C-alpha atoms as a PDB file:
ATOM      1  CA  MET A   1       9.070 -14.654  17.391  1.00  0.00           C
ATOM      2  CA  SER A   2      12.426 -13.564  16.126  1.00  0.00           C
ATOM      3  CA  LEU A   3      14.163 -10.264  15.629  1.00  0.00           C
ATOM      4  CA  PRO A   4      13.882  -8.455  12.287  1.00  0.00           C
ATOM      5  CA  LYS A   5      16.058  -9.845   9.498  1.00  0.00           C
ATOM      6  CA  ILE A   6      17.924  -7.032   7.754  1.00  0.00           C
ATOM      7  CA  HIS A   7      20.058  -7.862   4.734  1.00  0.00           C
ATOM      8  CA  PRO A   8      23.646  -6.571   5.117  1.00  0.00           C
ATOM      9  CA  LEU A   9      23.300  -4.608   1.856  1.00  0.00           C
ATOM     10  CA  ALA A  10      20.289  -2.627   3.145  1.00  0.00           C
ATOM     11  CA  ASP A  11      20.629   0.851   4.676  1.00  0.00           C
ATOM     12  CA  VAL A  12      18.180   0.751   7.589  1.00  0.00           C
ATOM     13  CA  GLN A  13      18.369   3.747   9.915  1.00  0.00           C
ATOM     14  CA  THR A  14      15.213   3.200  11.994  1.00  0.00           C
ATOM     15  CA  LYS A  15      15.118   1.046  15.114  1.00  0.00           C
ATOM     16  CA  GLN A  16      11.309   0.879  15.023  1.00  0.00           C
ATOM     17  CA  ILE A  17      10.909  -2.479  13.272  1.00  0.00           C
ATOM     18  CA  GLY A  18       8.707  -5.297  14.546  1.00  0.00           C
ATOM     19  CA  ASN A  19       9.700  -8.904  15.084  1.00  0.00           C
ATOM     20  CA  ASP A  20       9.803 -11.317  12.144  1.00  0.00           C
ATOM     21  CA  THR A  21      10.080  -8.507   9.570  1.00  0.00           C
ATOM     22  CA  ALA A  22      12.470  -9.045   6.653  1.00  0.00           C
ATOM     23  CA  ILE A  23      14.140  -6.136   4.845  1.00  0.00           C
ATOM     24  CA  TRP A  24      16.032  -7.247   1.758  1.00  0.00           C
ATOM     25  CA  GLN A  25      19.062  -5.936  -0.157  1.00  0.00           C
ATOM     26  CA  PHE A  26      19.347  -2.418  -1.519  1.00  0.00           C
ATOM     27  CA  CYS A  27      16.514  -1.040   0.626  1.00  0.00           C
ATOM     28  CA  VAL A  28      16.787   2.352   2.289  1.00  0.00           C
ATOM     29  CA  VAL A  29      14.700   3.008   5.396  1.00  0.00           C
ATOM     30  CA  LEU A  30      15.074   6.421   7.036  1.00  0.00           C
ATOM     31  CA  GLY A  31      15.376   6.977  10.781  1.00  0.00           C
ATOM     32  CA  LYS A  32      11.823   7.928  11.793  1.00  0.00           C
ATOM     33  CA  ALA A  33       9.967   5.266   9.785  1.00  0.00           C
ATOM     34  CA  VAL A  34       7.872   2.750  11.754  1.00  0.00           C
ATOM     35  CA  ILE A  35       7.493  -0.817  10.449  1.00  0.00           C
ATOM     36  CA  GLY A  36       5.329  -3.470  12.124  1.00  0.00           C
ATOM     37  CA  GLU A  37       5.772  -7.187  12.703  1.00  0.00           C
ATOM     38  CA  ASN A  38       5.956  -9.973  10.115  1.00  0.00           C
ATOM     39  CA  CYS A  39       6.427  -7.655   7.136  1.00  0.00           C
ATOM     40  CA  ASN A  40       8.320  -8.476   3.947  1.00  0.00           C
ATOM     41  CA  ILE A  41      10.080  -5.468   2.444  1.00  0.00           C
ATOM     42  CA  CYS A  42      11.534  -6.700  -0.858  1.00  0.00           C
ATOM     43  CA  ALA A  43      14.688  -5.467  -2.582  1.00  0.00           C
ATOM     44  CA  GLN A  44      15.093  -1.867  -3.733  1.00  0.00           C
ATOM     45  CA  VAL A  45      12.364  -0.313  -1.573  1.00  0.00           C
ATOM     46  CA  PHE A  46      12.748   3.229  -0.219  1.00  0.00           C
ATOM     47  CA  ILE A  47      10.877   4.245   2.957  1.00  0.00           C
ATOM     48  CA  GLU A  48      10.997   7.888   4.023  1.00  0.00           C
ATOM     49  CA  ASN A  49      10.821   9.283   7.593  1.00  0.00           C
ATOM     50  CA  GLU A  50       7.114  10.000   8.123  1.00  0.00           C
ATOM     51  CA  VAL A  51       5.899   6.577   7.007  1.00  0.00           C
ATOM     52  CA  LYS A  52       4.005   4.099   9.154  1.00  0.00           C
ATOM     53  CA  ILE A  53       3.647   0.454   8.110  1.00  0.00           C
ATOM     54  CA  GLY A  54       1.432  -1.994  10.019  1.00  0.00           C
ATOM     55  CA  ASN A  55       1.809  -5.732  10.627  1.00  0.00           C
ATOM     56  CA  ASN A  56       1.826  -8.496   7.991  1.00  0.00           C
ATOM     57  CA  VAL A  57       2.491  -6.091   5.113  1.00  0.00           C
ATOM     58  CA  THR A  58       4.147  -7.127   1.846  1.00  0.00           C
ATOM     59  CA  ILE A  59       5.930  -4.451  -0.181  1.00  0.00           C
ATOM     60  CA  LYS A  60       7.357  -5.752  -3.452  1.00  0.00           C
ATOM     61  CA  SER A  61      10.501  -4.460  -5.173  1.00  0.00           C
ATOM     62  CA  GLY A  62      10.828  -0.979  -6.610  1.00  0.00           C
ATOM     63  CA  VAL A  63       8.346   0.802  -4.317  1.00  0.00           C
ATOM     64  CA  GLN A  64       9.018   4.199  -2.721  1.00  0.00           C
ATOM     65  CA  LEU A  65       6.960   5.246   0.305  1.00  0.00           C
ATOM     66  CA  TRP A  66       7.241   9.004   0.810  1.00  0.00           C
ATOM     67  CA  ASP A  67       6.464  11.144   3.861  1.00  0.00           C
ATOM     68  CA  GLY A  68       2.748  11.073   4.637  1.00  0.00           C
ATOM     69  CA  VAL A  69       2.029   7.458   3.611  1.00  0.00           C
ATOM     70  CA  THR A  70       0.376   5.134   6.150  1.00  0.00           C
ATOM     71  CA  VAL A  71      -0.034   1.429   5.405  1.00  0.00           C
ATOM     72  CA  GLU A  72      -2.302  -0.515   7.754  1.00  0.00           C
ATOM     73  CA  ASP A  73      -2.150  -4.251   8.591  1.00  0.00           C
ATOM     74  CA  ASN A  74      -2.298  -7.032   5.982  1.00  0.00           C
ATOM     75  CA  VAL A  75      -1.756  -4.793   2.951  1.00  0.00           C
ATOM     76  CA  CYS A  76      -0.082  -6.014  -0.248  1.00  0.00           C
ATOM     77  CA  ILE A  77       1.743  -3.458  -2.426  1.00  0.00           C
ATOM     78  CA  GLY A  78       2.833  -4.850  -5.799  1.00  0.00           C
ATOM     79  CA  PRO A  79       6.138  -4.194  -7.554  1.00  0.00           C
ATOM     80  CA  ASN A  80       6.925  -0.683  -8.758  1.00  0.00           C
ATOM     81  CA  VAL A  81       3.841   0.931  -7.229  1.00  0.00           C
ATOM     82  CA  THR A  82       4.361   4.700  -7.156  1.00  0.00           C
ATOM     83  CA  PHE A  83       3.139   7.018  -4.422  1.00  0.00           C
ATOM     84  CA  THR A  84       3.182  10.801  -4.575  1.00  0.00           C
ATOM     85  CA  ASN A  85       3.020  13.201  -1.632  1.00  0.00           C
ATOM     86  CA  ASP A  86       3.144  16.654  -3.202  1.00  0.00           C
ATOM     87  CA  LEU A  87       0.263  17.753  -5.429  1.00  0.00           C
ATOM     88  CA  VAL A  88       2.244  20.653  -6.944  1.00  0.00           C
ATOM     89  CA  PRO A  89       5.908  19.610  -6.951  1.00  0.00           C
ATOM     90  CA  ARG A  90       8.576  22.129  -7.907  1.00  0.00           C
ATOM     91  CA  SER A  91      12.334  21.650  -7.952  1.00  0.00           C
ATOM     92  CA  LYS A  92      14.015  22.930  -4.792  1.00  0.00           C
ATOM     93  CA  GLN A  93      10.675  24.100  -3.317  1.00  0.00           C
ATOM     94  CA  TYR A  94       9.648  21.988  -0.326  1.00  0.00           C
ATOM     95  CA  SER A  95       6.185  21.811   1.153  1.00  0.00           C
ATOM     96  CA  ALA A  96       5.763  22.555   4.854  1.00  0.00           C
ATOM     97  CA  SER A  97       3.516  19.479   5.036  1.00  0.00           C
ATOM     98  CA  PHE A  98       2.590  16.682   2.691  1.00  0.00           C
ATOM     99  CA  ALA A  99      -0.774  15.242   1.700  1.00  0.00           C
ATOM    100  CA  LYS A 100      -1.643  12.092   3.660  1.00  0.00           C
ATOM    101  CA  THR A 101      -2.209   8.826   1.822  1.00  0.00           C
ATOM    102  CA  VAL A 102      -3.691   5.857   3.688  1.00  0.00           C
ATOM    103  CA  LEU A 103      -3.914   2.222   2.629  1.00  0.00           C
ATOM    104  CA  ARG A 104      -6.508   0.619   4.925  1.00  0.00           C
ATOM    105  CA  LYS A 105      -6.198  -2.913   6.268  1.00  0.00           C
ATOM    106  CA  GLY A 106      -6.331  -5.808   3.872  1.00  0.00           C
ATOM    107  CA  CYS A 107      -6.231  -3.809   0.632  1.00  0.00           C
ATOM    108  CA  SER A 108      -4.068  -4.726  -2.362  1.00  0.00           C
ATOM    109  CA  VAL A 109      -2.430  -2.447  -4.922  1.00  0.00           C
ATOM    110  CA  GLY A 110      -1.373  -4.059  -8.213  1.00  0.00           C
ATOM    111  CA  ALA A 111       2.004  -3.702  -9.909  1.00  0.00           C
ATOM    112  CA  ASN A 112       2.929  -0.403 -11.554  1.00  0.00           C
ATOM    113  CA  SER A 113      -0.048   1.482 -10.130  1.00  0.00           C
ATOM    114  CA  THR A 114       0.212   5.134  -9.124  1.00  0.00           C
ATOM    115  CA  ILE A 115      -1.505   6.451  -5.999  1.00  0.00           C
ATOM    116  CA  VAL A 116      -1.865  10.246  -6.064  1.00  0.00           C
ATOM    117  CA  ALA A 117      -1.256  12.107  -2.793  1.00  0.00           C
ATOM    118  CA  GLY A 118      -4.186  12.480  -0.428  1.00  0.00           C
ATOM    119  CA  CYS A 119      -6.074   9.338  -1.485  1.00  0.00           C
ATOM    120  CA  GLU A 120      -7.372   6.679   0.863  1.00  0.00           C
ATOM    121  CA  VAL A 121      -7.711   3.086  -0.312  1.00  0.00           C
ATOM    122  CA  GLY A 122     -10.466   1.433   1.744  1.00  0.00           C
ATOM    123  CA  GLU A 123     -10.324  -1.825   3.677  1.00  0.00           C
ATOM    124  CA  TYR A 124      -9.910  -4.905   1.477  1.00  0.00           C
ATOM    125  CA  ALA A 125     -10.194  -2.820  -1.716  1.00  0.00           C
ATOM    126  CA  PHE A 126      -8.347  -4.053  -4.795  1.00  0.00           C
ATOM    127  CA  ILE A 127      -6.488  -1.824  -7.263  1.00  0.00           C
ATOM    128  CA  GLY A 128      -5.647  -3.564 -10.548  1.00  0.00           C
ATOM    129  CA  ALA A 129      -2.161  -3.478 -12.077  1.00  0.00           C
ATOM    130  CA  GLY A 130      -1.189  -0.307 -13.923  1.00  0.00           C
ATOM    131  CA  SER A 131      -3.983   1.809 -12.464  1.00  0.00           C
ATOM    132  CA  VAL A 132      -3.789   5.517 -11.666  1.00  0.00           C
ATOM    133  CA  VAL A 133      -5.706   6.285  -8.472  1.00  0.00           C
ATOM    134  CA  THR A 134      -6.734   9.954  -8.389  1.00  0.00           C
ATOM    135  CA  LYS A 135      -9.428   9.810  -5.681  1.00  0.00           C
ATOM    136  CA  SER A 136     -10.249   7.804  -2.572  1.00  0.00           C
ATOM    137  CA  ILE A 137     -11.441   4.225  -3.036  1.00  0.00           C
ATOM    138  CA  PRO A 138     -14.239   2.743  -0.866  1.00  0.00           C
ATOM    139  CA  ALA A 139     -13.818  -0.496   1.078  1.00  0.00           C
ATOM    140  CA  ASN A 140     -14.395  -3.834  -0.691  1.00  0.00           C
ATOM    141  CA  THR A 141     -14.354  -2.349  -4.193  1.00  0.00           C
ATOM    142  CA  VAL A 142     -12.311  -3.192  -7.306  1.00  0.00           C
ATOM    143  CA  TRP A 143     -10.776  -0.390  -9.364  1.00  0.00           C
ATOM    144  CA  TYR A 144      -8.535  -0.324 -12.419  1.00  0.00           C
ATOM    145  CA  GLY A 145      -7.605   1.801 -15.403  1.00  0.00           C
ATOM    146  CA  ASN A 146      -6.235   5.295 -16.045  1.00  0.00           C
ATOM    147  CA  PRO A 147      -7.806   7.018 -14.284  1.00  0.00           C
ATOM    148  CA  ALA A 148      -8.948   4.120 -12.126  1.00  0.00           C
ATOM    149  CA  LYS A 149     -12.690   3.458 -12.218  1.00  0.00           C
ATOM    150  CA  MET A 150     -14.807   1.151 -10.125  1.00  0.00           C
ATOM    151  CA  LYS A 151     -15.306  -2.172 -11.909  1.00  0.00           C
ATOM    152  CA  GLY A 152     -16.787  -4.349  -9.153  1.00  0.00           C
ATOM    153  CA  TYR A 153     -16.542  -5.526  -5.580  1.00  0.00           C
ATOM    154  CA  ILE A 154     -14.352  -7.907  -3.595  1.00  0.00           C
ATOM    155  CA  THR A 155     -14.954  -9.830  -0.380  1.00  0.00           C
ATOM    156  CA  ASN A 156     -12.572  -9.737   2.563  1.00  0.00           C
ATOM    157  CA  GLU A 157     -11.450 -13.209   1.464  1.00  0.00           C
ATOM    158  CA  GLY A 158     -10.594 -12.019  -2.063  1.00  0.00           C
ATOM    159  CA  VAL A 159     -13.589 -13.259  -4.066  1.00  0.00           C
ATOM    160  CA  LEU A 160     -14.054 -10.939  -7.057  1.00  0.00           C
ATOM    161  CA  LEU A 161     -17.632  -9.758  -7.667  1.00  0.00           C
ATOM    162  CA  ASP A 162     -19.299  -7.827 -10.471  1.00  0.00           C
ATOM    163  CA  LEU A 163     -21.123  -4.514 -10.038  1.00  0.00           C
ATOM    164  CA  GLN A 164     -24.240  -6.424  -8.879  1.00  0.00           C
ATOM    165  CA  LYS A 165     -22.124  -8.097  -6.128  1.00  0.00           C
ATOM    166  CA  LYS A 166     -22.280 -11.509  -7.810  1.00  0.00           C
ATOM    167  CA  ASP A 167     -19.370 -13.898  -8.289  1.00  0.00           C
ATOM    168  CA  ARG A 168     -18.649 -15.672 -11.591  1.00  0.00           C
ATOM    169  CA  ASN A 169     -21.185 -18.384 -10.670  1.00  0.00           C
ATOM    170  CA  GLY A 170     -23.952 -15.834 -10.103  1.00  0.00           C
ATOM    171  CA  THR A 171     -23.929 -16.100  -6.309  1.00  0.00           C
ATOM    172  CA  PHE A 172     -24.868 -12.802  -4.618  1.00  0.00           C
ATOM    173  CA  TYR A 173     -22.739 -11.547  -1.701  1.00  0.00           C
ATOM    174  CA  ASN A 174     -24.015  -9.196   0.982  1.00  0.00           C
ATOM    175  CA  LEU A 175     -20.976  -7.015   1.674  1.00  0.00           C
ATOM    176  CA  GLU A 176     -22.680  -5.039   4.456  1.00  0.00           C
ATOM    177  CA  LYS A 177     -21.409  -7.642   6.915  1.00  0.00           C
ATOM    178  CA  GLU A 178     -17.892  -7.593   5.414  1.00  0.00           C
ATOM    179  CA  VAL A 179     -16.712  -4.267   6.779  1.00  0.00           C
END
């Protein structure tokens, strides 16, 4: 194990960063954020104070994680994914608390998706690129579109399945044992 690698052009204020985590140039990480081990935080990512990030997480460039976002282990967040934390934002009016958004272990969120405040993305779920997630997503499901709709299932290993839980070869998967 090695200490976190923080690019000299990043503004990292927290000390709560796990070993083997890389934070690249032009990132801003505020003082109360918690980041786990072996994460890759790509360039131009903003992480606010009340954010918790697990181990083995990849966050691609252009992502902002606002107060109230929790990211569990082994999550992949694509480039320019947008999170919200205030359901009724108003200029210069600040909420006393923010809606909680949780990305459960092993899930993936595709590039340019928007996750509305208060949603939970289930374990190993897959959100397709450009989707707008307006409600919680169950584990091992595939969603995409605006608004995002369920289009199939996915195994923990990343095999895409149709709505009948069959892969492209017609093999049925019992996902009850997956979660």
